[in-house]
Amino acid sequence: MHTQHRIEHALRRKLSGPSRQDVQQTMGWDKGAMSRFLSGEQGVLIDKLDTLVGVCGYVLVTRKYMDAVATLGEVGMFCECARQGLGECSRPQGSGK
């Protein structure tokens, strides 16, 4: 499993890199506000969360959505074998796996 602070790490990486100025401008922050946010002295208003996440290049999706994407990636959304009743691709019908 990954580190416990995945979102924090992702935001810190973006806010400390070359996109820092884009984030500052989009969020309406000066250098002091950025520094206060990174040090934990300043938070983000709830109506600005989407903006911050978006400008950092991320989108929020549910775990259910990611599970579905993983399943489709494993099985194959265009699996002709299954659509023809022949079981999953690369697995004979009735193999159980």
Protein backbone atom coordinates (compact mmCIF):
# COMPACT_ATOMS: atom_id res chain seq x y z
CA MET A 1 0.00 0.00 0.00
CA HIS A 2 1.07 3.60 -0.47
CA THR A 3 1.92 6.17 2.18
CA GLN A 4 -0.87 7.38 4.42
CA HIS A 5 -0.84 10.98 3.16
CA ARG A 6 -1.34 10.41 -0.57
CA ILE A 7 -3.35 13.58 -1.22
CA GLU A 8 -1.00 15.70 0.86
CA HIS A 9 2.02 14.30 -0.99
CA ALA A 10 0.42 14.86 -4.41
CA LEU A 11 -0.51 18.46 -3.57
CA ARG A 12 2.90 19.25 -2.08
CA ARG A 13 4.60 17.89 -5.20
CA LYS A 14 2.47 20.09 -7.46
CA LEU A 15 2.67 23.15 -5.24
CA SER A 16 6.44 22.94 -4.98
CA GLY A 17 7.11 22.35 -8.67
CA PRO A 18 6.98 24.43 -11.84
CA SER A 19 3.17 24.72 -11.70
CA ARG A 20 3.37 26.61 -8.40
CA GLN A 21 2.71 30.00 -10.02
CA ASP A 22 -0.30 28.68 -11.95
CA VAL A 23 -1.75 27.42 -8.68
CA GLN A 24 -1.07 30.74 -6.94
CA GLN A 25 -2.75 32.71 -9.70
CA THR A 26 -5.77 30.41 -10.00
CA MET A 27 -6.30 30.30 -6.24
CA GLY A 28 -5.71 34.05 -5.85
CA TRP A 29 -2.85 33.41 -3.43
CA ASP A 30 0.30 35.45 -3.00
CA LYS A 31 3.61 33.77 -2.09
CA GLY A 32 2.82 34.21 1.60
CA ALA A 33 -0.52 32.42 1.29
CA MET A 34 1.12 29.53 -0.56
CA SER A 35 3.77 29.26 2.15
CA ARG A 36 1.15 29.39 4.92
CA PHE A 37 -0.88 26.67 3.21
CA LEU A 38 2.14 24.39 2.80
CA SER A 39 3.17 24.92 6.43
CA GLY A 40 -0.34 24.16 7.70
CA GLU A 41 -0.99 27.69 8.96
CA GLN A 42 -3.71 28.34 6.37
CA GLY A 43 -6.46 26.12 5.08
CA VAL A 44 -8.54 26.06 1.92
CA LEU A 45 -12.17 27.16 1.93
CA ILE A 46 -14.49 24.32 1.02
CA ASP A 47 -15.74 26.14 -2.09
CA LYS A 48 -12.13 26.34 -3.35
CA LEU A 49 -11.29 22.63 -2.97
CA ASP A 50 -12.42 21.74 -6.51
CA THR A 51 -10.36 24.62 -7.88
CA LEU A 52 -7.23 23.56 -6.00
CA VAL A 53 -7.56 19.91 -6.96
CA GLY A 54 -8.30 20.81 -10.59
CA VAL A 55 -5.43 23.27 -11.04
CA CYS A 56 -3.10 20.59 -9.67
CA GLY A 57 -4.29 18.30 -12.47
CA TYR A 58 -6.41 15.91 -10.43
CA VAL A 59 -10.07 14.92 -10.38
CA LEU A 60 -12.04 13.36 -7.57
CA VAL A 61 -13.62 10.00 -8.35
CA THR A 62 -15.23 7.41 -6.14
CA ARG A 63 -13.58 4.14 -5.14
CA LYS A 64 -16.49 2.37 -6.90
CA TYR A 65 -15.54 4.09 -10.17
CA MET A 66 -11.87 3.11 -9.81
CA ASP A 67 -12.85 -0.48 -9.00
CA ALA A 68 -14.93 -0.57 -12.18
CA VAL A 69 -12.05 0.78 -14.26
CA ALA A 70 -9.73 -1.84 -12.74
CA THR A 71 -12.20 -4.60 -13.52
CA LEU A 72 -12.61 -3.44 -17.11
CA GLY A 73 -8.84 -3.26 -17.46
CA GLU A 74 -8.48 -6.82 -16.21
CA VAL A 75 -11.35 -8.35 -18.17
CA GLY A 76 -11.39 -6.10 -21.23
CA MET A 77 -14.40 -4.00 -22.14
CA PHE A 78 -14.39 -5.24 -25.73
CA CYS A 79 -13.86 -8.92 -24.87
CA GLU A 80 -15.25 -10.74 -27.92
CA CYS A 81 -14.90 -14.13 -26.23
CA ALA A 82 -17.30 -13.22 -23.43
CA ARG A 83 -19.72 -11.52 -25.79
CA GLN A 84 -19.91 -14.72 -27.83
CA GLY A 85 -20.45 -16.85 -24.72
CA LEU A 86 -16.98 -18.39 -24.88
CA GLY A 87 -15.79 -17.19 -21.47
CA GLU A 88 -13.30 -14.42 -20.77
CA CYS A 89 -10.44 -13.82 -23.20
CA SER A 90 -7.46 -16.07 -22.47
CA ARG A 91 -9.59 -18.18 -20.10
CA PRO A 92 -11.52 -21.22 -21.23
CA GLN A 93 -15.21 -21.19 -20.33
CA GLY A 94 -15.77 -22.62 -16.86
CA SER A 95 -12.15 -22.17 -15.66
CA GLY A 96 -13.37 -20.26 -12.59
CA LYS A 97 -10.64 -17.61 -12.66
